Protein backbone atom coordinates (compact mmCIF):
# COMPACT_ATOMS: atom_id res chain seq x y z
CA MET A 1 -7.84 -31.14 -33.04
CA LYS A 2 -10.79 -29.16 -34.44
CA THR A 3 -10.56 -31.07 -37.72
CA LYS A 4 -11.03 -34.21 -35.69
CA ILE A 5 -14.04 -32.72 -33.95
CA ILE A 6 -15.70 -31.55 -37.14
CA ASN A 7 -15.41 -35.05 -38.50
CA LYS A 8 -17.62 -36.16 -35.64
CA LEU A 9 -20.55 -34.38 -37.23
CA PHE A 10 -22.49 -37.25 -38.72
CA LEU A 11 -23.85 -36.13 -42.05
CA SER A 12 -25.81 -38.67 -44.02
CA ILE A 13 -27.89 -37.97 -47.11
CA PHE A 14 -30.50 -40.53 -47.96
CA THR A 15 -33.45 -39.57 -50.14
CA GLY A 16 -33.17 -35.95 -49.23
CA THR A 17 -32.64 -36.37 -45.46
CA ILE A 18 -29.74 -34.70 -43.54
CA PHE A 19 -28.82 -35.82 -40.02
CA ILE A 20 -26.83 -33.34 -37.88
CA LEU A 21 -25.91 -34.82 -34.52
CA GLY A 22 -29.27 -36.53 -34.14
CA SER A 23 -31.44 -33.72 -35.58
CA ARG A 24 -33.26 -34.40 -38.86
CA ILE A 25 -34.25 -31.92 -41.56
CA HIS A 26 -36.44 -33.18 -44.41
CA VAL A 27 -35.45 -31.64 -47.73
CA GLU A 28 -38.04 -31.73 -50.52
CA ALA A 29 -37.28 -31.68 -54.18
CA ALA A 30 -36.78 -28.19 -55.55
CA ASP A 31 -40.23 -27.98 -57.17
CA ASN A 32 -41.94 -29.04 -53.88
CA VAL A 33 -40.24 -26.62 -51.51
CA THR A 34 -42.74 -24.91 -49.19
CA ASN A 35 -42.41 -21.98 -46.81
CA THR A 36 -42.75 -24.35 -43.85
CA MET A 37 -39.37 -26.00 -44.41
CA PRO A 38 -37.45 -25.98 -41.07
CA VAL A 39 -34.24 -23.94 -41.03
CA VAL A 40 -31.19 -24.66 -38.85
CA PRO A 41 -29.20 -21.45 -38.30
CA ILE A 42 -25.47 -21.75 -38.95
CA MET A 43 -24.72 -20.37 -35.46
CA ASN A 44 -26.30 -23.50 -33.91
CA ILE A 45 -23.89 -25.69 -35.84
CA GLU A 46 -20.98 -23.56 -34.60
CA LYS A 47 -22.16 -23.98 -31.03
CA ILE A 48 -22.39 -27.72 -31.52
CA ILE A 49 -18.86 -27.82 -32.91
CA GLU A 50 -17.55 -25.73 -30.00
CA LYS A 51 -19.35 -27.92 -27.47
CA GLU A 52 -17.94 -31.06 -29.06
CA TYR A 53 -14.48 -29.47 -29.08
CA GLN A 54 -14.63 -28.82 -25.33
CA MET A 55 -15.98 -32.32 -24.65
CA ASP A 56 -13.22 -33.86 -26.70
CA LEU A 57 -10.63 -31.82 -24.82
CA LYS A 58 -12.02 -33.05 -21.51
CA GLU A 59 -12.01 -36.64 -22.69
CA GLU A 60 -8.40 -36.36 -23.80
CA VAL A 61 -7.28 -34.90 -20.47
CA GLN A 62 -9.15 -37.49 -18.46
CA LEU A 63 -7.07 -40.16 -20.12
CA TYR A 64 -4.11 -38.96 -18.07
CA LEU A 65 -4.50 -38.88 -14.29
CA VAL A 66 -1.53 -38.47 -11.93
CA GLU A 67 -1.56 -39.23 -8.21
CA ASN A 68 -0.07 -36.51 -6.04
CA ASP A 69 1.66 -36.86 -2.67
CA GLN A 70 -1.66 -36.69 -0.83
CA GLY A 71 -3.11 -39.58 -2.83
CA GLU A 72 -5.45 -37.34 -4.80
CA TYR A 73 -5.81 -37.63 -8.54
CA LEU A 74 -5.45 -34.52 -10.62
CA ASN A 75 -5.83 -33.66 -14.28
CA ILE A 76 -2.27 -32.88 -15.24
CA ALA A 77 -0.98 -31.10 -18.33
CA PHE A 78 2.32 -29.50 -19.26
CA SER A 79 3.02 -26.19 -20.95
CA ASN A 80 4.46 -26.17 -24.46
CA VAL A 81 5.76 -22.65 -25.09
CA SER A 82 8.97 -21.30 -26.56
CA ASP A 83 9.65 -18.93 -23.65
CA PHE A 84 6.65 -18.30 -21.42
CA ALA A 85 2.91 -17.73 -21.59
CA TYR A 86 0.86 -15.41 -19.39
CA ILE A 87 -1.73 -16.90 -17.06
CA ARG A 88 -4.66 -14.49 -17.33
CA TYR A 89 -7.32 -13.61 -14.78
CA ALA A 90 -9.99 -14.04 -17.47
CA ALA A 91 -10.27 -16.07 -20.68
CA THR A 92 -9.03 -13.29 -22.96
CA ASP A 93 -5.59 -12.06 -23.91
CA LYS A 94 -6.72 -8.55 -22.96
CA SER A 95 -7.03 -9.55 -19.31
CA ASP A 96 -4.33 -8.67 -16.80
CA TRP A 97 -1.96 -11.51 -15.94
CA ALA A 98 -1.72 -13.35 -12.64
CA GLY A 99 1.48 -15.22 -13.42
CA LYS A 100 3.65 -16.88 -16.03
CA MET A 101 4.15 -20.48 -17.03
CA TYR A 102 7.44 -21.38 -18.67
CA ASN A 103 8.08 -24.32 -20.97
CA GLY A 104 7.46 -27.63 -19.23
CA THR A 105 5.42 -26.11 -16.40
CA ALA A 106 3.11 -28.66 -14.75
CA VAL A 107 -0.49 -27.47 -14.40
CA GLU A 108 -3.75 -28.84 -13.00
CA ILE A 109 -6.71 -28.42 -15.33
CA LEU A 110 -9.81 -27.07 -13.59
CA ASP A 111 -12.26 -26.05 -16.32
CA TYR A 112 -12.72 -25.12 -19.99
CA GLU A 113 -13.96 -21.97 -21.67
CA GLY A 114 -13.79 -22.06 -25.45
CA ASP A 115 -10.16 -22.17 -26.54
CA TRP A 116 -9.07 -21.31 -23.00
CA VAL A 117 -8.40 -23.63 -20.07
CA ARG A 118 -8.64 -22.64 -16.41
CA ILE A 119 -5.65 -24.00 -14.54
CA LYS A 120 -3.87 -24.07 -11.20
CA SER A 121 -0.10 -24.28 -11.03
CA GLY A 122 1.83 -23.59 -7.86
CA ASN A 123 0.13 -20.59 -6.25
CA VAL A 124 -1.32 -19.32 -9.51
CA TYR A 125 -4.93 -19.68 -10.72
CA GLY A 126 -6.04 -18.41 -14.12
CA TYR A 127 -6.58 -19.04 -17.82
CA VAL A 128 -4.21 -20.13 -20.57
CA GLN A 129 -4.88 -21.03 -24.17
CA ALA A 130 -5.36 -24.73 -24.86
CA LYS A 131 -2.83 -24.60 -27.69
CA ASP A 132 -0.11 -23.89 -25.13
CA LEU A 133 -0.70 -27.16 -23.26
CA ILE A 134 0.38 -30.76 -23.76
CA ILE A 135 -2.59 -32.87 -22.69
CA GLY A 136 -3.92 -36.41 -22.70
CA LYS A 137 -1.74 -39.15 -24.14
CA GLU A 138 0.92 -36.66 -25.18
CA ALA A 139 1.17 -35.47 -21.56
CA LYS A 140 1.64 -39.08 -20.48
CA LYS A 141 4.47 -39.47 -22.99
CA TYR A 142 6.00 -36.22 -21.78
CA ASP A 143 5.84 -37.39 -18.18
CA GLU A 144 7.37 -40.77 -19.00
CA SER A 145 10.27 -39.06 -20.77
CA ASN A 146 11.11 -37.11 -17.58
CA GLU A 147 13.62 -39.35 -15.84
CA ASN A 148 13.92 -37.50 -12.52
CA LYS A 149 10.15 -36.84 -12.18
CA THR A 150 10.62 -33.29 -10.92
CA TYR A 151 8.62 -30.42 -12.40
CA HIS A 152 8.46 -26.69 -12.01
CA TYR A 153 5.30 -24.69 -11.53
CA ALA A 154 3.96 -21.33 -12.61
CA GLU A 155 5.28 -18.15 -11.05
CA SER A 156 2.92 -15.47 -9.80
CA LYS A 157 3.55 -11.80 -10.52
CA ALA A 158 4.51 -11.22 -6.86
CA GLU A 159 6.83 -14.24 -6.89
CA GLU A 160 8.51 -12.97 -10.05
CA GLU A 161 9.09 -9.55 -8.50
CA GLU A 162 10.58 -11.15 -5.38
CA ARG A 163 12.81 -13.40 -7.49
CA LEU A 164 14.10 -10.49 -9.57
CA ILE A 165 14.96 -8.53 -6.42
CA LYS A 166 16.89 -11.51 -5.03
CA GLU A 167 18.66 -12.08 -8.33
CA GLU A 168 19.75 -8.47 -8.45
CA ALA A 169 20.98 -8.66 -4.85
CA LEU A 170 22.84 -11.87 -5.69
CA ARG A 171 24.45 -10.28 -8.73
CA LYS A 172 25.60 -7.27 -6.73
CA GLY A 173 26.77 -9.48 -3.87
CA GLN A 174 28.87 -11.56 -6.23
CA GLU A 175 30.42 -8.35 -7.56
CA VAL A 176 31.32 -7.35 -4.00
CA ILE A 177 33.02 -10.71 -3.36
CA ALA A 178 34.82 -10.61 -6.71
CA TYR A 179 36.12 -7.13 -5.93
CA GLY A 180 37.16 -7.97 -2.36
CA SER A 181 38.89 -11.18 -3.47
CA GLN A 182 41.48 -9.09 -5.32
CA PHE A 183 43.00 -8.28 -1.96
CA ILE A 184 43.42 -11.83 -0.68
CA GLY A 185 46.89 -12.18 0.81
CA ASN A 186 47.19 -8.50 1.73
CA PRO A 187 48.07 -7.78 5.38
CA TYR A 188 45.89 -7.48 8.44
CA VAL A 189 46.56 -4.26 10.37
CA TRP A 190 44.72 -3.46 13.59
CA GLY A 191 42.75 -0.24 13.09
CA GLY A 192 43.62 -0.14 9.39
CA THR A 193 41.24 0.51 6.49
CA SER A 194 43.58 0.15 3.51
CA LEU A 195 42.77 -2.71 1.15
CA LEU A 196 46.33 -2.60 -0.17
CA TYR A 197 48.45 -1.87 2.89
CA GLY A 198 46.43 -3.33 5.70
CA ALA A 199 43.00 -3.43 7.31
CA ASP A 200 41.36 -5.09 10.26
CA CYS A 201 38.16 -7.12 9.84
CA SER A 202 35.69 -4.23 10.04
CA GLY A 203 38.01 -1.87 8.16
CA PHE A 204 38.24 -4.39 5.32
CA VAL A 205 34.43 -4.80 5.08
CA GLN A 206 33.88 -1.04 5.34
CA SER A 207 36.43 -0.26 2.63
CA VAL A 208 35.14 -2.91 0.21
CA TYR A 209 31.60 -1.55 0.43
CA ALA A 210 32.79 2.04 0.17
CA ASP A 211 33.87 1.26 -3.41
CA PHE A 212 30.20 0.42 -4.14
CA GLY A 213 28.94 3.68 -2.66
CA ILE A 214 27.65 2.08 0.54
CA SER A 215 28.66 3.60 3.88
CA LEU A 216 29.03 1.20 6.80
CA PRO A 217 29.88 1.81 10.48
CA ARG A 218 33.52 1.55 11.44
CA THR A 219 33.32 -1.08 14.19
CA THR A 220 32.13 -4.67 14.26
CA TRP A 221 29.63 -3.96 17.02
CA ALA A 222 28.07 -1.05 15.13
CA MET A 223 27.76 -3.23 12.02
CA GLU A 224 25.47 -5.59 13.96
CA THR A 225 22.59 -3.18 13.28
CA ALA A 226 23.50 -2.25 9.68
CA GLY A 227 21.11 -3.13 6.85
CA ILE A 228 18.44 -5.76 7.50
CA PRO A 229 18.78 -9.08 9.35
CA VAL A 230 18.56 -12.38 7.44
CA SER A 231 18.88 -15.93 8.68
CA TYR A 232 22.14 -17.69 7.98
CA ASP A 233 20.42 -20.29 5.80
CA GLN A 234 19.22 -17.41 3.59
CA ALA A 235 22.64 -15.73 3.40
CA MET A 236 23.82 -14.57 -0.03
CA PRO A 237 27.26 -13.47 -1.24
CA GLY A 238 28.05 -10.01 0.07
CA ASP A 239 26.05 -10.33 3.30
CA LEU A 240 27.82 -9.31 6.50
CA VAL A 241 28.41 -12.27 8.85
CA LEU A 242 29.06 -11.04 12.38
CA TYR A 243 30.59 -12.86 15.31
CA ASP A 244 31.60 -11.76 18.80
CA GLY A 245 34.28 -9.23 17.82
CA HIS A 246 34.69 -10.23 14.17
CA VAL A 247 33.02 -9.68 10.80
CA GLY A 248 33.40 -11.11 7.31
CA LEU A 249 31.64 -11.07 3.95
CA TYR A 250 29.65 -14.18 3.09
CA ALA A 251 31.21 -15.73 -0.02
CA GLY A 252 28.86 -18.71 -0.45
CA ASN A 253 29.25 -22.40 0.38
CA ASP A 254 29.70 -21.71 4.12
CA MET A 255 32.74 -19.53 3.51
CA ILE A 256 33.56 -15.89 4.34
CA LEU A 257 35.98 -13.38 2.86
CA ASN A 258 37.64 -11.60 5.78
CA ALA A 259 40.70 -10.00 7.29
CA VAL A 260 41.57 -12.85 9.66
CA ASP A 261 44.51 -11.79 11.81
CA GLU A 262 48.13 -10.66 11.57
CA SER A 263 49.30 -14.21 10.78
CA HIS A 264 46.91 -14.83 7.89
CA GLY A 265 45.93 -11.44 6.50
CA ILE A 266 42.92 -11.30 4.14
CA GLN A 267 41.65 -14.80 3.33
CA ILE A 268 38.58 -16.91 2.56
CA THR A 269 37.82 -19.10 5.56
CA SER A 270 34.98 -21.13 7.08
CA ALA A 271 31.89 -19.15 8.05
CA LEU A 272 31.17 -21.68 10.78
CA TYR A 273 34.40 -21.37 12.73
CA ALA A 274 32.54 -19.68 15.62
CA PRO A 275 28.95 -18.94 16.70
CA ILE A 276 27.27 -16.37 14.44
CA VAL A 277 25.71 -13.37 16.16
CA THR A 278 23.80 -12.03 13.14
CA VAL A 279 23.79 -11.85 9.35
CA ARG A 280 23.06 -8.47 7.79
CA ARG A 281 22.12 -7.60 4.19
CA VAL A 282 23.21 -4.11 3.15
CA LEU A 283 22.66 -4.29 -0.64
């Protein structure tokens, strides 16, 4: 893009006259040069080029305006990175980062500072390098190629930390369910805690978690205060789902892994078979 900008500098030499963006310098023949000849410092030309670069960037972005759900028009661009790019608090790569934008992240352009662009994406405000953005007509093409018209947004540092914690809990919870599922079909025994020879509902849950180094109370009623409470719609595999006198391990998709009764033994059944008292996360 800078090559394009530099070409905008209108240089014309006619009888010793140079025009630089509207400024004129009269150049005398070599034998008539005087000490009063005006001089244009090179740094001024660099500033002009940089200013034109920023103006051109703005013009390109303004070619592409997208209406949001509130009927407001925003300057929209999309990230073009191989993995992710940091969104910095200041327009320098030495600044701390406020968040990350991954490839295809939709951003709103707020301002320009040299080769950096101030953006907003999701809950994140900050600076990214212009080279990491698809803007203007190319952004329009990118948008038109997206058939479902859904986009993802930048992730703040706090949001990333929260996501990683949930992902780790999900991974561990899936391990718990995978381990407990080995015992499907084994018998239900009132008061039992053996995964092989028989366990009741709370004995089964207690024994499964014991293999992961987590100690749980022995009875269903005591388990109602174990760990931390979560809403059912936020339940993840491995969470304890407690009913009036029964407990199972949430297995996902509205199902629980549990020691049902003497007729069915250990099975995966519906989590919604009865009113839920509480859901507890112990991982």
